[in-house]
Amino acid sequence: MSHWNIAAAQYGGQHHSVDDHIAHHLHFIAEAAHHQCDLLVFPELSLTGPGATALPLPPEDDRLQPLLDAAHFYRITLIAGLPVERNGQRQKGLALFIPSRDRILRYPQGSGASLVPGDKQLTIIDGQSDSPNLDPQATLFTSCQSVRDYRWRQSINTLQRFAHRYAIAVLMANAGAGSALWDEKGQLIVRADKGELLLTGTRNGQGWQGDIIPLG
């Protein structure tokens, strides 16, 4: 795919119910679709929040159906954050909504995920591995985060090095501030300040271009 429009949702929603989170997500999705984005990535645990003392219960698929309907309607792929159950334990995970599928796919969050434009699945990257299992056809690595201050500076340094080392564009969706996009050389294309907004990136024959779109 020579032309690809992607976006990170700098989403800082603090809600008490999954339904409220979903309604908030739909606002971002409509805006991303208005700007003809093919992919929209939300920060970690965007659909539930982190929980007061432990990760919340993962929402059922029927509760998330409005997001799958939006993916179908707008022809946009969505990655949102939610808890997942693995081996009887709850951990941070990702929900993937694809225009061409009628089922929501769930993955552990790992350290991020690589994507092939137009593909129907994520390749989750193991943060503990010295040699990440990147799909050789992938052109984008996504990182869903909710970090601030020192941890944010650590994250952006790590992701920039990752982009340069593995020659892959990197999109970071961070809650509240500092979402960013780097190209395949590790050069910063665009980085957001604070606030709820869309950080967008477009890849064409001349490389990547970025923009910041405030949400009213």
N, C-alpha and C. Protein backbone atom coordinates (compact mmCIF):
# COMPACT_ATOMS: atom_id res chain seq x y z
N MET A 1 0.85 -1.19 0.00
CA MET A 1 0.00 0.00 0.00
C MET A 1 0.89 1.24 0.00
N SER A 2 0.85 2.00 -1.10
CA SER A 2 1.75 3.15 -1.23
C SER A 2 1.24 4.36 -0.44
N HIS A 3 -0.07 4.41 -0.17
CA HIS A 3 -0.66 5.53 0.56
C HIS A 3 -1.39 4.98 1.77
N TRP A 4 -1.06 5.50 2.95
CA TRP A 4 -1.64 4.96 4.19
C TRP A 4 -1.84 6.10 5.16
N ASN A 5 -3.06 6.25 5.67
CA ASN A 5 -3.39 7.28 6.66
C ASN A 5 -3.61 6.61 8.02
N ILE A 6 -2.86 7.03 9.01
CA ILE A 6 -2.97 6.43 10.34
C ILE A 6 -3.16 7.53 11.37
N ALA A 7 -3.63 7.15 12.55
CA ALA A 7 -3.85 8.14 13.61
C ALA A 7 -3.68 7.50 14.97
N ALA A 8 -3.16 8.29 15.90
CA ALA A 8 -3.14 7.93 17.32
C ALA A 8 -4.16 8.81 18.03
N ALA A 9 -5.02 8.18 18.83
CA ALA A 9 -5.98 8.93 19.63
C ALA A 9 -5.32 9.29 20.95
N GLN A 10 -5.05 10.56 21.16
CA GLN A 10 -4.54 11.00 22.46
C GLN A 10 -5.77 11.17 23.36
N TYR A 11 -6.12 10.07 23.97
CA TYR A 11 -7.41 9.92 24.67
C TYR A 11 -7.14 9.84 26.16
N GLY A 12 -7.66 10.80 26.91
CA GLY A 12 -7.46 10.81 28.35
C GLY A 12 -8.74 10.60 29.13
N GLY A 13 -9.69 9.92 28.50
CA GLY A 13 -11.01 9.75 29.11
C GLY A 13 -10.97 9.06 30.46
N GLN A 14 -11.62 9.67 31.46
CA GLN A 14 -11.74 9.08 32.79
C GLN A 14 -13.24 8.86 33.06
N HIS A 15 -13.71 7.65 32.77
CA HIS A 15 -15.13 7.35 32.91
C HIS A 15 -15.32 6.20 33.88
N HIS A 16 -16.54 6.09 34.39
CA HIS A 16 -16.84 5.04 35.36
C HIS A 16 -17.50 3.82 34.72
N SER A 17 -17.79 3.89 33.43
CA SER A 17 -18.44 2.75 32.78
C SER A 17 -17.83 2.52 31.39
N VAL A 18 -17.87 1.27 30.95
CA VAL A 18 -17.39 0.93 29.62
C VAL A 18 -18.23 1.64 28.56
N ASP A 19 -19.54 1.75 28.81
CA ASP A 19 -20.42 2.40 27.83
C ASP A 19 -20.01 3.86 27.60
N ASP A 20 -19.62 4.55 28.66
CA ASP A 20 -19.17 5.94 28.50
C ASP A 20 -17.86 6.00 27.73
N HIS A 21 -16.96 5.06 28.00
CA HIS A 21 -15.71 4.99 27.24
C HIS A 21 -16.01 4.76 25.75
N ILE A 22 -16.93 3.87 25.47
CA ILE A 22 -17.26 3.56 24.08
C ILE A 22 -17.80 4.81 23.37
N ALA A 23 -18.70 5.52 24.03
CA ALA A 23 -19.24 6.74 23.43
C ALA A 23 -18.13 7.75 23.15
N HIS A 24 -17.17 7.85 24.06
CA HIS A 24 -16.04 8.75 23.88
C HIS A 24 -15.17 8.29 22.71
N HIS A 25 -14.94 6.98 22.61
CA HIS A 25 -14.17 6.43 21.49
C HIS A 25 -14.84 6.75 20.15
N LEU A 26 -16.16 6.66 20.12
CA LEU A 26 -16.87 6.89 18.86
C LEU A 26 -16.66 8.31 18.35
N HIS A 27 -16.49 9.25 19.25
CA HIS A 27 -16.21 10.64 18.86
C HIS A 27 -14.87 10.71 18.13
N PHE A 28 -13.85 10.04 18.67
CA PHE A 28 -12.55 10.00 18.03
C PHE A 28 -12.62 9.29 16.68
N ILE A 29 -13.36 8.20 16.64
CA ILE A 29 -13.44 7.41 15.40
C ILE A 29 -14.08 8.23 14.28
N ALA A 30 -15.16 8.94 14.59
CA ALA A 30 -15.82 9.76 13.58
C ALA A 30 -14.87 10.83 13.05
N GLU A 31 -14.07 11.44 13.94
CA GLU A 31 -13.13 12.46 13.51
C GLU A 31 -12.02 11.85 12.64
N ALA A 32 -11.52 10.68 13.05
CA ALA A 32 -10.49 10.01 12.25
C ALA A 32 -11.02 9.63 10.87
N ALA A 33 -12.26 9.16 10.83
CA ALA A 33 -12.86 8.81 9.54
C ALA A 33 -13.04 10.05 8.67
N HIS A 34 -13.39 11.19 9.29
CA HIS A 34 -13.52 12.44 8.55
C HIS A 34 -12.21 12.81 7.85
N HIS A 35 -11.09 12.44 8.47
CA HIS A 35 -9.78 12.72 7.89
C HIS A 35 -9.24 11.52 7.10
N GLN A 36 -10.13 10.59 6.78
CA GLN A 36 -9.84 9.46 5.88
C GLN A 36 -8.72 8.57 6.42
N CYS A 37 -8.72 8.36 7.72
CA CYS A 37 -7.72 7.48 8.32
C CYS A 37 -8.11 6.01 8.10
N ASP A 38 -7.11 5.19 7.81
CA ASP A 38 -7.30 3.75 7.64
C ASP A 38 -7.14 3.01 8.95
N LEU A 39 -6.43 3.61 9.90
CA LEU A 39 -6.10 2.97 11.17
C LEU A 39 -6.15 4.01 12.28
N LEU A 40 -6.76 3.64 13.41
CA LEU A 40 -6.80 4.50 14.60
C LEU A 40 -6.41 3.67 15.80
N VAL A 41 -5.40 4.16 16.55
CA VAL A 41 -4.86 3.44 17.70
C VAL A 41 -5.12 4.25 18.97
N PHE A 42 -5.69 3.59 19.99
CA PHE A 42 -5.96 4.23 21.28
C PHE A 42 -4.89 3.82 22.30
N PRO A 43 -4.77 4.57 23.41
CA PRO A 43 -3.81 4.21 24.45
C PRO A 43 -4.20 2.94 25.21
N GLU A 44 -3.33 2.50 26.11
CA GLU A 44 -3.59 1.29 26.86
C GLU A 44 -4.80 1.46 27.78
N LEU A 45 -5.55 0.36 27.91
CA LEU A 45 -6.73 0.30 28.78
C LEU A 45 -7.71 1.43 28.51
N SER A 46 -7.78 1.86 27.26
CA SER A 46 -8.65 3.00 26.92
C SER A 46 -10.13 2.69 27.12
N LEU A 47 -10.51 1.42 27.02
CA LEU A 47 -11.92 1.06 27.11
C LEU A 47 -12.41 0.87 28.54
N THR A 48 -11.50 0.76 29.49
CA THR A 48 -11.91 0.50 30.87
C THR A 48 -11.26 1.42 31.88
N GLY A 49 -10.12 2.04 31.54
CA GLY A 49 -9.31 2.67 32.56
C GLY A 49 -8.55 1.60 33.33
N PRO A 50 -7.61 2.01 34.19
CA PRO A 50 -6.74 1.04 34.86
C PRO A 50 -7.38 0.32 36.03
N GLY A 51 -8.50 0.83 36.54
CA GLY A 51 -9.08 0.24 37.74
C GLY A 51 -8.46 0.85 38.98
N ALA A 52 -9.18 0.79 40.09
CA ALA A 52 -8.72 1.42 41.32
C ALA A 52 -7.58 0.63 41.97
N THR A 53 -7.74 -0.67 42.12
CA THR A 53 -6.73 -1.50 42.78
C THR A 53 -6.26 -2.66 41.91
N ALA A 54 -7.04 -3.05 40.93
CA ALA A 54 -6.69 -4.16 40.04
C ALA A 54 -7.32 -3.90 38.68
N LEU A 55 -6.83 -4.60 37.67
CA LEU A 55 -7.40 -4.42 36.33
C LEU A 55 -8.87 -4.80 36.32
N PRO A 56 -9.71 -4.01 35.65
CA PRO A 56 -11.14 -4.31 35.60
C PRO A 56 -11.42 -5.60 34.82
N LEU A 57 -12.64 -6.06 34.94
CA LEU A 57 -13.09 -7.22 34.19
C LEU A 57 -13.13 -6.89 32.71
N PRO A 58 -12.61 -7.76 31.84
CA PRO A 58 -12.68 -7.48 30.39
C PRO A 58 -14.13 -7.39 29.92
N PRO A 59 -14.49 -6.38 29.16
CA PRO A 59 -15.86 -6.28 28.66
C PRO A 59 -16.15 -7.35 27.62
N GLU A 60 -17.39 -7.82 27.60
CA GLU A 60 -17.82 -8.83 26.64
C GLU A 60 -17.93 -8.21 25.24
N ASP A 61 -17.88 -9.09 24.23
CA ASP A 61 -17.93 -8.62 22.84
C ASP A 61 -19.21 -7.84 22.54
N ASP A 62 -20.35 -8.30 23.09
CA ASP A 62 -21.60 -7.60 22.75
C ASP A 62 -21.61 -6.17 23.28
N ARG A 63 -20.87 -5.93 24.35
CA ARG A 63 -20.76 -4.58 24.90
C ARG A 63 -19.95 -3.69 23.95
N LEU A 64 -19.00 -4.29 23.23
CA LEU A 64 -18.11 -3.55 22.34
C LEU A 64 -18.64 -3.47 20.90
N GLN A 65 -19.82 -4.01 20.67
CA GLN A 65 -20.37 -4.07 19.32
C GLN A 65 -20.44 -2.70 18.63
N PRO A 66 -20.75 -1.59 19.34
CA PRO A 66 -20.77 -0.29 18.66
C PRO A 66 -19.43 0.07 18.00
N LEU A 67 -18.33 -0.38 18.59
CA LEU A 67 -17.03 -0.08 17.98
C LEU A 67 -16.81 -0.93 16.74
N LEU A 68 -17.23 -2.18 16.77
CA LEU A 68 -17.12 -3.01 15.58
C LEU A 68 -18.02 -2.48 14.47
N ASP A 69 -19.21 -2.02 14.84
CA ASP A 69 -20.11 -1.42 13.85
C ASP A 69 -19.47 -0.18 13.23
N ALA A 70 -18.79 0.62 14.05
CA ALA A 70 -18.13 1.83 13.53
C ALA A 70 -16.99 1.46 12.59
N ALA A 71 -16.24 0.41 12.93
CA ALA A 71 -15.16 -0.05 12.05
C ALA A 71 -15.72 -0.45 10.69
N HIS A 72 -16.86 -1.14 10.70
CA HIS A 72 -17.50 -1.55 9.44
C HIS A 72 -18.02 -0.32 8.67
N PHE A 73 -18.70 0.57 9.39
CA PHE A 73 -19.34 1.71 8.74
C PHE A 73 -18.32 2.64 8.10
N TYR A 74 -17.25 2.94 8.84
CA TYR A 74 -16.26 3.90 8.37
C TYR A 74 -15.11 3.25 7.60
N ARG A 75 -15.10 1.92 7.56
CA ARG A 75 -14.00 1.19 6.90
C ARG A 75 -12.65 1.60 7.50
N ILE A 76 -12.58 1.52 8.83
CA ILE A 76 -11.37 1.90 9.55
C ILE A 76 -11.01 0.78 10.53
N THR A 77 -9.74 0.47 10.62
CA THR A 77 -9.25 -0.51 11.59
C THR A 77 -8.95 0.19 12.90
N LEU A 78 -9.39 -0.42 14.01
CA LEU A 78 -9.25 0.18 15.33
C LEU A 78 -8.45 -0.74 16.24
N ILE A 79 -7.57 -0.13 17.03
CA ILE A 79 -6.88 -0.84 18.10
C ILE A 79 -7.18 -0.08 19.39
N ALA A 80 -7.83 -0.75 20.34
CA ALA A 80 -8.16 -0.13 21.62
C ALA A 80 -7.60 -0.98 22.75
N GLY A 81 -7.47 -0.37 23.93
CA GLY A 81 -6.88 -1.06 25.06
C GLY A 81 -7.92 -1.56 26.05
N LEU A 82 -7.71 -2.79 26.53
CA LEU A 82 -8.62 -3.38 27.51
C LEU A 82 -7.91 -4.53 28.22
N PRO A 83 -8.38 -4.97 29.37
CA PRO A 83 -7.78 -6.14 30.00
C PRO A 83 -8.15 -7.42 29.22
N VAL A 84 -7.28 -8.41 29.29
CA VAL A 84 -7.57 -9.73 28.74
C VAL A 84 -7.26 -10.78 29.80
N GLU A 85 -7.91 -11.93 29.68
CA GLU A 85 -7.65 -13.05 30.58
C GLU A 85 -6.72 -14.04 29.90
N ARG A 86 -5.61 -14.38 30.57
CA ARG A 86 -4.67 -15.37 30.06
C ARG A 86 -4.26 -16.27 31.20
N ASN A 87 -4.57 -17.57 31.04
CA ASN A 87 -4.21 -18.57 32.05
C ASN A 87 -4.74 -18.19 33.43
N GLY A 88 -5.97 -17.71 33.44
CA GLY A 88 -6.61 -17.37 34.70
C GLY A 88 -6.16 -16.08 35.32
N GLN A 89 -5.32 -15.33 34.63
CA GLN A 89 -4.84 -14.06 35.15
C GLN A 89 -5.21 -12.93 34.21
N ARG A 90 -5.44 -11.77 34.79
CA ARG A 90 -5.82 -10.59 34.03
C ARG A 90 -4.57 -9.78 33.69
N GLN A 91 -4.47 -9.32 32.44
CA GLN A 91 -3.33 -8.51 32.03
C GLN A 91 -3.78 -7.48 31.01
N LYS A 92 -2.92 -6.49 30.76
CA LYS A 92 -3.23 -5.48 29.76
C LYS A 92 -3.26 -6.12 28.38
N GLY A 93 -4.23 -5.70 27.56
CA GLY A 93 -4.36 -6.28 26.24
C GLY A 93 -4.88 -5.29 25.22
N LEU A 94 -5.06 -5.79 24.01
CA LEU A 94 -5.53 -5.00 22.88
C LEU A 94 -6.75 -5.66 22.26
N ALA A 95 -7.69 -4.84 21.82
CA ALA A 95 -8.82 -5.30 21.03
C ALA A 95 -8.67 -4.76 19.62
N LEU A 96 -8.79 -5.64 18.64
CA LEU A 96 -8.64 -5.26 17.24
C LEU A 96 -9.99 -5.36 16.54
N PHE A 97 -10.42 -4.27 15.93
CA PHE A 97 -11.68 -4.20 15.19
C PHE A 97 -11.34 -3.95 13.72
N ILE A 98 -11.78 -4.85 12.85
CA ILE A 98 -11.39 -4.81 11.44
C ILE A 98 -12.64 -4.68 10.57
N PRO A 99 -12.61 -3.80 9.57
CA PRO A 99 -13.81 -3.62 8.73
C PRO A 99 -14.29 -4.89 8.05
N SER A 100 -13.40 -5.80 7.74
CA SER A 100 -13.77 -6.98 6.97
C SER A 100 -14.14 -8.19 7.84
N ARG A 101 -14.13 -8.03 9.17
CA ARG A 101 -14.41 -9.17 10.04
C ARG A 101 -15.57 -8.85 10.97
N ASP A 102 -16.32 -9.91 11.31
CA ASP A 102 -17.47 -9.76 12.20
C ASP A 102 -17.14 -10.16 13.63
N ARG A 103 -15.87 -10.38 13.91
CA ARG A 103 -15.46 -10.80 15.24
C ARG A 103 -14.36 -9.89 15.75
N ILE A 104 -14.41 -9.59 17.04
CA ILE A 104 -13.37 -8.79 17.70
C ILE A 104 -12.22 -9.70 18.09
N LEU A 105 -11.01 -9.31 17.75
CA LEU A 105 -9.83 -10.09 18.11
C LEU A 105 -9.17 -9.46 19.33
N ARG A 106 -8.71 -10.30 20.25
CA ARG A 106 -8.07 -9.83 21.48
C ARG A 106 -6.67 -10.41 21.59
N TYR A 107 -5.76 -9.56 22.05
CA TYR A 107 -4.36 -9.95 22.15
C TYR A 107 -3.79 -9.43 23.47
N PRO A 108 -2.75 -10.07 24.01
CA PRO A 108 -1.99 -9.43 25.08
C PRO A 108 -1.29 -8.19 24.54
N GLN A 109 -1.07 -7.21 25.40
CA GLN A 109 -0.50 -5.95 24.91
C GLN A 109 0.96 -6.10 24.48
N GLY A 110 1.74 -6.90 25.21
CA GLY A 110 3.16 -7.00 24.92
C GLY A 110 3.82 -5.63 24.99
N SER A 111 4.89 -5.45 24.23
CA SER A 111 5.52 -4.12 24.18
C SER A 111 5.01 -3.31 23.00
N GLY A 112 4.12 -3.90 22.21
CA GLY A 112 3.56 -3.23 21.05
C GLY A 112 3.17 -4.26 20.01
N ALA A 113 2.77 -3.78 18.85
CA ALA A 113 2.31 -4.67 17.79
C ALA A 113 2.75 -4.14 16.44
N SER A 114 3.14 -5.06 15.55
CA SER A 114 3.48 -4.65 14.19
C SER A 114 2.31 -4.95 13.27
N LEU A 115 2.17 -4.12 12.23
CA LEU A 115 1.05 -4.25 11.30
C LEU A 115 1.54 -4.18 9.87
N VAL A 116 0.85 -4.94 9.03
CA VAL A 116 1.01 -4.85 7.59
C VAL A 116 -0.22 -4.10 7.07
N PRO A 117 -0.06 -3.07 6.25
CA PRO A 117 -1.23 -2.35 5.74
C PRO A 117 -2.22 -3.31 5.07
N GLY A 118 -3.48 -3.24 5.51
CA GLY A 118 -4.51 -4.08 4.94
C GLY A 118 -4.57 -5.48 5.51
N ASP A 119 -3.64 -5.85 6.41
CA ASP A 119 -3.63 -7.19 6.98
C ASP A 119 -4.76 -7.32 7.99
N LYS A 120 -5.00 -8.56 8.42
CA LYS A 120 -6.14 -8.85 9.28
C LYS A 120 -5.73 -9.29 10.68
N GLN A 121 -4.50 -9.06 11.06
CA GLN A 121 -4.09 -9.42 12.41
C GLN A 121 -2.90 -8.58 12.84
N LEU A 122 -2.63 -8.63 14.14
CA LEU A 122 -1.47 -7.97 14.70
C LEU A 122 -0.40 -9.02 14.98
N THR A 123 0.84 -8.59 14.95
CA THR A 123 1.93 -9.41 15.48
C THR A 123 2.38 -8.74 16.77
N ILE A 124 2.11 -9.39 17.90
CA ILE A 124 2.44 -8.82 19.19
C ILE A 124 3.93 -9.03 19.45
N ILE A 125 4.59 -7.96 19.88
CA ILE A 125 6.03 -8.00 20.10
C ILE A 125 6.31 -8.25 21.58
N ASP A 126 7.15 -9.23 21.85
CA ASP A 126 7.56 -9.58 23.21
C ASP A 126 8.63 -8.60 23.68
N GLY A 127 8.29 -7.82 24.70
CA GLY A 127 9.23 -6.82 25.18
C GLY A 127 10.46 -7.40 25.84
N GLN A 128 10.43 -8.68 26.21
CA GLN A 128 11.58 -9.29 26.87
C GLN A 128 12.58 -9.89 25.90
N SER A 129 12.24 -9.93 24.62
CA SER A 129 13.09 -10.59 23.63
C SER A 129 14.13 -9.62 23.07
N ASP A 130 15.35 -10.12 22.86
CA ASP A 130 16.39 -9.30 22.24
C ASP A 130 16.20 -9.20 20.73
N SER A 131 15.44 -10.14 20.17
CA SER A 131 15.19 -10.16 18.73
C SER A 131 13.68 -10.20 18.50
N PRO A 132 13.03 -9.06 18.36
CA PRO A 132 11.56 -9.04 18.26
C PRO A 132 11.07 -9.76 17.01
N ASN A 133 9.91 -10.38 17.15
CA ASN A 133 9.33 -11.17 16.07
C ASN A 133 8.53 -10.30 15.11
N LEU A 134 9.20 -9.32 14.53
CA LEU A 134 8.53 -8.44 13.58
C LEU A 134 8.15 -9.19 12.32
N ASP A 135 6.95 -8.95 11.85
CA ASP A 135 6.54 -9.47 10.55
C ASP A 135 7.40 -8.80 9.48
N PRO A 136 8.06 -9.59 8.60
CA PRO A 136 8.94 -8.97 7.59
C PRO A 136 8.21 -8.05 6.63
N GLN A 137 6.87 -8.18 6.52
CA GLN A 137 6.09 -7.32 5.64
C GLN A 137 5.55 -6.08 6.36
N ALA A 138 5.75 -6.02 7.68
CA ALA A 138 5.17 -4.92 8.46
C ALA A 138 5.85 -3.60 8.13
N THR A 139 5.06 -2.55 8.09
CA THR A 139 5.60 -1.20 7.85
C THR A 139 5.30 -0.25 9.01
N LEU A 140 4.66 -0.77 10.07
CA LEU A 140 4.33 0.09 11.21
C LEU A 140 4.35 -0.72 12.49
N PHE A 141 4.92 -0.12 13.53
CA PHE A 141 4.89 -0.66 14.88
C PHE A 141 4.07 0.30 15.73
N THR A 142 3.10 -0.22 16.47
CA THR A 142 2.25 0.63 17.30
C THR A 142 2.52 0.35 18.78
N SER A 143 2.47 1.41 19.57
CA SER A 143 2.68 1.30 21.01
C SER A 143 1.56 2.03 21.72
N CYS A 144 0.76 1.29 22.52
CA CYS A 144 -0.35 1.86 23.28
C CYS A 144 0.11 2.08 24.71
N GLN A 145 0.14 3.33 25.16
CA GLN A 145 0.72 3.62 26.46
C GLN A 145 -0.14 4.59 27.26
N SER A 146 0.19 4.68 28.54
CA SER A 146 -0.40 5.68 29.42
C SER A 146 0.67 6.04 30.44
N VAL A 147 1.62 6.87 30.00
CA VAL A 147 2.79 7.19 30.83
C VAL A 147 2.99 8.70 30.88
N ARG A 148 3.71 9.14 31.91
CA ARG A 148 3.98 10.57 32.08
C ARG A 148 5.43 10.77 32.52
N ASP A 149 5.89 11.98 32.34
CA ASP A 149 7.16 12.45 32.89
C ASP A 149 8.32 11.51 32.57
N TYR A 150 8.97 10.96 33.60
CA TYR A 150 10.17 10.15 33.39
C TYR A 150 9.88 8.92 32.52
N ARG A 151 8.78 8.24 32.80
CA ARG A 151 8.44 7.04 32.01
C ARG A 151 8.14 7.42 30.56
N TRP A 152 7.54 8.59 30.35
CA TRP A 152 7.29 9.04 28.98
C TRP A 152 8.60 9.28 28.25
N ARG A 153 9.56 9.94 28.91
CA ARG A 153 10.86 10.18 28.28
C ARG A 153 11.57 8.87 27.97
N GLN A 154 11.47 7.91 28.87
CA GLN A 154 12.03 6.59 28.60
C GLN A 154 11.39 5.96 27.37
N SER A 155 10.07 6.06 27.30
CA SER A 155 9.34 5.43 26.20
C SER A 155 9.71 6.03 24.85
N ILE A 156 9.77 7.36 24.79
CA ILE A 156 10.06 7.97 23.48
C ILE A 156 11.50 7.66 23.05
N ASN A 157 12.42 7.60 23.98
CA ASN A 157 13.79 7.23 23.62
C ASN A 157 13.85 5.79 23.11
N THR A 158 13.15 4.89 23.81
CA THR A 158 13.13 3.49 23.40
C THR A 158 12.50 3.31 22.03
N LEU A 159 11.37 3.99 21.79
CA LEU A 159 10.67 3.82 20.52
C LEU A 159 11.44 4.44 19.36
N GLN A 160 12.10 5.55 19.59
CA GLN A 160 12.92 6.14 18.53
C GLN A 160 14.06 5.21 18.15
N ARG A 161 14.72 4.61 19.14
CA ARG A 161 15.79 3.66 18.84
C ARG A 161 15.25 2.43 18.12
N PHE A 162 14.06 2.00 18.51
CA PHE A 162 13.44 0.84 17.87
C PHE A 162 13.19 1.13 16.39
N ALA A 163 12.63 2.31 16.09
CA ALA A 163 12.37 2.67 14.69
C ALA A 163 13.65 2.65 13.87
N HIS A 164 14.69 3.24 14.42
CA HIS A 164 15.96 3.30 13.69
C HIS A 164 16.59 1.92 13.53
N ARG A 165 16.59 1.14 14.60
CA ARG A 165 17.27 -0.16 14.56
C ARG A 165 16.60 -1.14 13.60
N TYR A 166 15.26 -1.13 13.60
CA TYR A 166 14.54 -2.11 12.80
C TYR A 166 13.93 -1.51 11.52
N ALA A 167 14.24 -0.28 11.22
CA ALA A 167 13.81 0.38 9.99
C ALA A 167 12.30 0.25 9.79
N ILE A 168 11.55 0.64 10.82
CA ILE A 168 10.10 0.55 10.77
C ILE A 168 9.51 1.82 11.41
N ALA A 169 8.46 2.35 10.80
CA ALA A 169 7.78 3.50 11.39
C ALA A 169 7.13 3.09 12.71
N VAL A 170 7.09 4.01 13.66
CA VAL A 170 6.55 3.74 15.00
C VAL A 170 5.51 4.80 15.36
N LEU A 171 4.33 4.34 15.77
CA LEU A 171 3.25 5.22 16.19
C LEU A 171 2.94 4.95 17.66
N MET A 172 3.06 5.97 18.48
CA MET A 172 2.79 5.86 19.92
C MET A 172 1.52 6.63 20.25
N ALA A 173 0.52 5.92 20.80
CA ALA A 173 -0.70 6.55 21.30
C ALA A 173 -0.58 6.61 22.82
N ASN A 174 -0.45 7.80 23.37
CA ASN A 174 -0.29 7.96 24.81
C ASN A 174 -1.47 8.76 25.36
N ALA A 175 -1.93 8.37 26.53
CA ALA A 175 -3.07 9.05 27.14
C ALA A 175 -2.66 10.42 27.65
N GLY A 176 -3.33 11.45 27.19
CA GLY A 176 -3.17 12.77 27.78
C GLY A 176 -2.14 13.67 27.15
N ALA A 177 -0.98 13.14 26.73
CA ALA A 177 0.07 14.00 26.20
C ALA A 177 1.17 13.15 25.56
N GLY A 178 1.87 13.77 24.59
CA GLY A 178 3.11 13.18 24.10
C GLY A 178 3.00 12.06 23.10
N SER A 179 1.84 11.85 22.48
CA SER A 179 1.76 10.85 21.40
C SER A 179 2.70 11.28 20.27
N ALA A 180 3.20 10.31 19.49
CA ALA A 180 4.24 10.66 18.52
C ALA A 180 4.30 9.64 17.38
N LEU A 181 4.93 10.08 16.29
CA LEU A 181 5.18 9.23 15.13
C LEU A 181 6.62 9.44 14.67
N TRP A 182 7.33 8.32 14.47
CA TRP A 182 8.68 8.34 13.91
C TRP A 182 8.69 7.58 12.60
N ASP A 183 9.56 7.99 11.67
CA ASP A 183 9.65 7.28 10.40
C ASP A 183 10.63 6.12 10.53
N GLU A 184 10.90 5.46 9.39
CA GLU A 184 11.73 4.26 9.38
C GLU A 184 13.19 4.53 9.72
N LYS A 185 13.59 5.78 9.72
CA LYS A 185 14.97 6.14 10.09
C LYS A 185 15.08 6.59 11.54
N GLY A 186 13.95 6.57 12.25
CA GLY A 186 13.94 7.03 13.62
C GLY A 186 13.80 8.52 13.76
N GLN A 187 13.50 9.21 12.67
CA GLN A 187 13.33 10.67 12.72
C GLN A 187 11.89 11.00 13.17
N LEU A 188 11.78 11.95 14.08
CA LEU A 188 10.47 12.35 14.58
C LEU A 188 9.69 13.09 13.48
N ILE A 189 8.49 12.59 13.19
CA ILE A 189 7.63 13.23 12.19
C ILE A 189 6.70 14.23 12.86
N VAL A 190 6.09 13.84 13.98
CA VAL A 190 5.18 14.74 14.68
C VAL A 190 5.02 14.23 16.11
N ARG A 191 4.89 15.19 17.04
CA ARG A 191 4.66 14.84 18.44
C ARG A 191 3.67 15.83 19.03
N ALA A 192 2.76 15.32 19.85
CA ALA A 192 1.68 16.14 20.40
C ALA A 192 2.06 16.71 21.76
N ASP A 193 1.47 17.86 22.09
CA ASP A 193 1.52 18.38 23.44
C ASP A 193 0.37 17.76 24.24
N LYS A 194 -0.15 18.48 25.21
CA LYS A 194 -1.22 17.95 26.04
C LYS A 194 -2.58 18.14 25.37
N GLY A 195 -3.56 17.38 25.85
CA GLY A 195 -4.93 17.56 25.41
C GLY A 195 -5.44 16.40 24.58
N GLU A 196 -6.76 16.37 24.43
CA GLU A 196 -7.37 15.33 23.62
C GLU A 196 -7.32 15.75 22.15
N LEU A 197 -6.75 14.87 21.34
CA LEU A 197 -6.52 15.22 19.94
C LEU A 197 -6.22 13.96 19.14
N LEU A 198 -6.18 14.13 17.85
CA LEU A 198 -5.70 13.08 16.95
C LEU A 198 -4.32 13.49 16.43
N LEU A 199 -3.38 12.58 16.54
CA LEU A 199 -2.10 12.74 15.87
C LEU A 199 -2.15 11.87 14.63
N THR A 200 -2.01 12.48 13.46
CA THR A 200 -2.17 11.72 12.22
C THR A 200 -0.85 11.63 11.46
N GLY A 201 -0.74 10.57 10.69
CA GLY A 201 0.40 10.38 9.82
C GLY A 201 -0.05 9.85 8.48
N THR A 202 0.55 10.35 7.42
CA THR A 202 0.24 9.90 6.06
C THR A 202 1.53 9.47 5.38
N ARG A 203 1.52 8.24 4.87
CA ARG A 203 2.68 7.76 4.12
C ARG A 203 2.33 7.75 2.63
N ASN A 204 3.18 8.40 1.84
CA ASN A 204 3.03 8.39 0.39
C ASN A 204 4.40 8.17 -0.24
N GLY A 205 4.51 8.43 -1.49
CA GLY A 205 5.77 8.19 -2.19
C GLY A 205 6.92 9.02 -1.68
N GLN A 206 6.63 10.13 -1.01
CA GLN A 206 7.67 11.00 -0.47
C GLN A 206 8.01 10.71 0.99
N GLY A 207 7.36 9.70 1.56
CA GLY A 207 7.62 9.34 2.95
C GLY A 207 6.45 9.73 3.85
N TRP A 208 6.73 9.97 5.13
CA TRP A 208 5.71 10.26 6.11
C TRP A 208 5.54 11.77 6.33
N GLN A 209 4.30 12.17 6.53
CA GLN A 209 3.96 13.52 6.96
C GLN A 209 2.99 13.42 8.12
N GLY A 210 3.05 14.37 9.07
CA GLY A 210 2.22 14.29 10.24
C GLY A 210 1.44 15.56 10.50
N ASP A 211 0.41 15.44 11.35
CA ASP A 211 -0.42 16.60 11.69
C ASP A 211 -1.05 16.36 13.06
N ILE A 212 -1.49 17.44 13.68
CA ILE A 212 -2.20 17.41 14.95
C ILE A 212 -3.58 17.99 14.74
N ILE A 213 -4.61 17.25 15.15
CA ILE A 213 -5.99 17.68 14.96
C ILE A 213 -6.66 17.75 16.33
N PRO A 214 -6.91 18.97 16.85
CA PRO A 214 -7.58 19.09 18.16
C PRO A 214 -9.01 18.58 18.06
N LEU A 215 -9.49 18.02 19.16
CA LEU A 215 -10.89 17.61 19.25
C LEU A 215 -11.66 18.58 20.11
N GLY A 216 -12.76 19.09 19.57
CA GLY A 216 -13.54 20.05 20.33
C GLY A 216 -14.39 19.38 21.39
